[in-house]
Amino acid sequence: MRQAIAPISQNQGASAPVSINQALRITVKRVDMRFNKEESVAKLGVEVVNQALSSNAEPTSRMMYPAFEPTSHIGKDEYAGEPVEVDGYIVTAYYYVAKDEEVGGVEPEFEIEEVW
């Protein structure tokens, strides 16, 4: 005759059962899209946008492929600021800089990711 196996929480000396969500912190991200500054302010507020703009933008190693990028990004270097996490969103400011431009003189785009 088979003996039933008791759940872990009923075994002596064992800790309470842990759900998979508790055991592993899984962050699911969904990229909403790229927004300009005005759209980002309307969606998240001026404080969040200013915080994303205040981080130092550094060059990324991403290549701009014509098949995957807007034509306005081709031939430019991509710079990204530090991501800002607030109220279930991660906001990153991106700058697309031509060789004769400076990062501070370029209008940023904002990538807004919803995290749940």
C-alpha atoms as a PDB file:
ATOM      1  CA  MET A   1       0.000   0.000   0.000  1.00  0.00           C
ATOM      2  CA  ARG A   2       1.306   3.470  -0.920  1.00  0.00           C
ATOM      3  CA  GLN A   3       1.698   6.104   1.715  1.00  0.00           C
ATOM      4  CA  ALA A   4       0.598   9.642   0.897  1.00  0.00           C
ATOM      5  CA  ILE A   5       3.328  12.261   0.921  1.00  0.00           C
ATOM      6  CA  ALA A   6       2.527  15.131   3.219  1.00  0.00           C
ATOM      7  CA  PRO A   7       2.908  18.679   1.915  1.00  0.00           C
ATOM      8  CA  ILE A   8       6.179  20.366   2.847  1.00  0.00           C
ATOM      9  CA  SER A   9       4.503  22.614   5.409  1.00  0.00           C
ATOM     10  CA  GLN A  10       3.345  19.582   7.389  1.00  0.00           C
ATOM     11  CA  ASN A  11       6.803  17.991   7.597  1.00  0.00           C
ATOM     12  CA  GLN A  12       8.577  18.663  10.845  1.00  0.00           C
ATOM     13  CA  GLY A  13      11.414  21.106  10.585  1.00  0.00           C
ATOM     14  CA  ALA A  14      10.498  22.258   7.081  1.00  0.00           C
ATOM     15  CA  SER A  15       9.638  25.837   6.273  1.00  0.00           C
ATOM     16  CA  ALA A  16       6.275  26.936   4.908  1.00  0.00           C
ATOM     17  CA  PRO A  17       5.698  26.361   1.190  1.00  0.00           C
ATOM     18  CA  VAL A  18       6.927  29.087  -1.095  1.00  0.00           C
ATOM     19  CA  SER A  19       5.163  30.029  -4.290  1.00  0.00           C
ATOM     20  CA  ILE A  20       7.151  30.313  -7.482  1.00  0.00           C
ATOM     21  CA  ASN A  21       6.571  34.076  -7.461  1.00  0.00           C
ATOM     22  CA  GLN A  22       8.112  34.310  -4.006  1.00  0.00           C
ATOM     23  CA  ALA A  23      11.014  32.019  -4.842  1.00  0.00           C
ATOM     24  CA  LEU A  24      11.940  33.793  -8.070  1.00  0.00           C
ATOM     25  CA  ARG A  25      11.489  37.486  -8.645  1.00  0.00           C
ATOM     26  CA  ILE A  26      10.390  37.592 -12.235  1.00  0.00           C
ATOM     27  CA  THR A  27      10.004  40.976 -13.828  1.00  0.00           C
ATOM     28  CA  VAL A  28       7.953  41.083 -16.982  1.00  0.00           C
ATOM     29  CA  LYS A  29       8.527  44.111 -19.177  1.00  0.00           C
ATOM     30  CA  ARG A  30       6.417  45.413 -21.989  1.00  0.00           C
ATOM     31  CA  VAL A  31       7.812  48.226 -24.058  1.00  0.00           C
ATOM     32  CA  ASP A  32       4.959  50.602 -24.706  1.00  0.00           C
ATOM     33  CA  MET A  33       6.830  52.616 -27.330  1.00  0.00           C
ATOM     34  CA  ARG A  34       8.985  55.655 -27.783  1.00  0.00           C
ATOM     35  CA  PHE A  35       7.586  59.026 -26.810  1.00  0.00           C
ATOM     36  CA  ASN A  36       8.783  62.586 -27.260  1.00  0.00           C
ATOM     37  CA  LYS A  37       9.164  64.852 -24.243  1.00  0.00           C
ATOM     38  CA  GLU A  38       5.641  66.312 -24.340  1.00  0.00           C
ATOM     39  CA  GLU A  39       4.019  62.871 -24.643  1.00  0.00           C
ATOM     40  CA  SER A  40       6.146  61.540 -21.787  1.00  0.00           C
ATOM     41  CA  VAL A  41       5.188  64.446 -19.531  1.00  0.00           C
ATOM     42  CA  ALA A  42       1.503  63.849 -20.300  1.00  0.00           C
ATOM     43  CA  LYS A  43       1.826  60.115 -19.530  1.00  0.00           C
ATOM     44  CA  LEU A  44       4.090  60.188 -16.445  1.00  0.00           C
ATOM     45  CA  GLY A  45       4.455  63.757 -15.233  1.00  0.00           C
ATOM     46  CA  VAL A  46       7.164  66.369 -15.383  1.00  0.00           C
ATOM     47  CA  GLU A  47       9.033  65.092 -12.286  1.00  0.00           C
ATOM     48  CA  VAL A  48       9.667  61.655 -13.810  1.00  0.00           C
ATOM     49  CA  VAL A  49      10.741  63.117 -17.148  1.00  0.00           C
ATOM     50  CA  ASN A  50      13.112  65.576 -15.449  1.00  0.00           C
ATOM     51  CA  GLN A  51      14.596  62.726 -13.416  1.00  0.00           C
ATOM     52  CA  ALA A  52      15.193  60.717 -16.610  1.00  0.00           C
ATOM     53  CA  LEU A  53      16.770  63.766 -18.262  1.00  0.00           C
ATOM     54  CA  SER A  54      19.041  64.517 -15.306  1.00  0.00           C
ATOM     55  CA  SER A  55      21.050  61.290 -15.624  1.00  0.00           C
ATOM     56  CA  ASN A  56      24.259  61.326 -17.627  1.00  0.00           C
ATOM     57  CA  ALA A  57      23.727  59.932 -21.119  1.00  0.00           C
ATOM     58  CA  GLU A  58      26.393  57.517 -22.276  1.00  0.00           C
ATOM     59  CA  PRO A  59      26.921  55.940 -25.691  1.00  0.00           C
ATOM     60  CA  THR A  60      25.405  52.512 -26.276  1.00  0.00           C
ATOM     61  CA  SER A  61      26.942  49.788 -28.417  1.00  0.00           C
ATOM     62  CA  ARG A  62      23.791  49.294 -30.489  1.00  0.00           C
ATOM     63  CA  MET A  63      24.118  49.341 -34.255  1.00  0.00           C
ATOM     64  CA  MET A  64      21.472  51.198 -36.259  1.00  0.00           C
ATOM     65  CA  TYR A  65      20.108  48.843 -38.899  1.00  0.00           C
ATOM     66  CA  PRO A  66      17.899  50.431 -41.582  1.00  0.00           C
ATOM     67  CA  ALA A  67      15.436  47.534 -41.471  1.00  0.00           C
ATOM     68  CA  PHE A  68      14.719  47.990 -37.759  1.00  0.00           C
ATOM     69  CA  GLU A  69      15.150  51.695 -37.067  1.00  0.00           C
ATOM     70  CA  PRO A  70      13.347  54.865 -38.054  1.00  0.00           C
ATOM     71  CA  THR A  71      15.195  56.600 -40.873  1.00  0.00           C
ATOM     72  CA  SER A  72      15.931  59.564 -38.589  1.00  0.00           C
ATOM     73  CA  HIS A  73      18.213  57.312 -36.468  1.00  0.00           C
ATOM     74  CA  ILE A  74      20.349  55.951 -39.295  1.00  0.00           C
ATOM     75  CA  GLY A  75      23.916  57.242 -39.303  1.00  0.00           C
ATOM     76  CA  LYS A  76      23.639  58.571 -35.748  1.00  0.00           C
ATOM     77  CA  ASP A  77      25.105  57.373 -32.463  1.00  0.00           C
ATOM     78  CA  GLU A  78      22.697  56.278 -29.738  1.00  0.00           C
ATOM     79  CA  TYR A  79      23.142  57.592 -26.205  1.00  0.00           C
ATOM     80  CA  ALA A  80      21.057  56.410 -23.247  1.00  0.00           C
ATOM     81  CA  GLY A  81      20.512  57.865 -19.806  1.00  0.00           C
ATOM     82  CA  GLU A  82      20.104  55.820 -16.634  1.00  0.00           C
ATOM     83  CA  PRO A  83      16.708  54.090 -16.434  1.00  0.00           C
ATOM     84  CA  VAL A  84      14.314  55.557 -13.867  1.00  0.00           C
ATOM     85  CA  GLU A  85      11.816  53.210 -12.197  1.00  0.00           C
ATOM     86  CA  VAL A  86       8.627  54.746 -10.840  1.00  0.00           C
ATOM     87  CA  ASP A  87       5.068  53.503 -10.275  1.00  0.00           C
ATOM     88  CA  GLY A  88       5.368  50.344 -12.366  1.00  0.00           C
ATOM     89  CA  TYR A  89       7.243  51.981 -15.241  1.00  0.00           C
ATOM     90  CA  ILE A  90      10.883  52.131 -16.279  1.00  0.00           C
ATOM     91  CA  VAL A  91      11.700  55.305 -18.219  1.00  0.00           C
ATOM     92  CA  THR A  92      14.891  55.721 -20.240  1.00  0.00           C
ATOM     93  CA  ALA A  93      15.898  58.815 -22.205  1.00  0.00           C
ATOM     94  CA  TYR A  94      17.556  58.103 -25.565  1.00  0.00           C
ATOM     95  CA  TYR A  95      19.443  60.576 -27.733  1.00  0.00           C
ATOM     96  CA  TYR A  96      20.349  60.068 -31.398  1.00  0.00           C
ATOM     97  CA  VAL A  97      23.366  62.212 -32.124  1.00  0.00           C
ATOM     98  CA  ALA A  98      24.949  62.983 -35.491  1.00  0.00           C
ATOM     99  CA  LYS A  99      28.713  63.418 -35.716  1.00  0.00           C
ATOM    100  CA  ASP A 100      28.447  67.237 -35.741  1.00  0.00           C
ATOM    101  CA  GLU A 101      25.982  67.450 -32.804  1.00  0.00           C
ATOM    102  CA  GLU A 102      26.270  67.263 -29.030  1.00  0.00           C
ATOM    103  CA  VAL A 103      24.044  65.192 -26.743  1.00  0.00           C
ATOM    104  CA  GLY A 104      22.694  68.284 -24.973  1.00  0.00           C
ATOM    105  CA  GLY A 105      21.524  69.835 -28.238  1.00  0.00           C
ATOM    106  CA  VAL A 106      19.392  66.888 -29.362  1.00  0.00           C
ATOM    107  CA  GLU A 107      15.730  66.336 -28.483  1.00  0.00           C
ATOM    108  CA  PRO A 108      15.477  63.057 -26.515  1.00  0.00           C
ATOM    109  CA  GLU A 109      13.102  60.175 -27.048  1.00  0.00           C
ATOM    110  CA  PHE A 110      11.750  58.306 -24.055  1.00  0.00           C
ATOM    111  CA  GLU A 111      11.295  54.550 -23.881  1.00  0.00           C
ATOM    112  CA  ILE A 112       8.592  53.652 -21.379  1.00  0.00           C
ATOM    113  CA  GLU A 113       8.411  50.065 -20.171  1.00  0.00           C
ATOM    114  CA  GLU A 114       5.542  48.798 -18.063  1.00  0.00           C
ATOM    115  CA  VAL A 115       6.733  46.395 -15.361  1.00  0.00           C
ATOM    116  CA  TRP A 116       4.440  43.968 -13.613  1.00  0.00           C
END
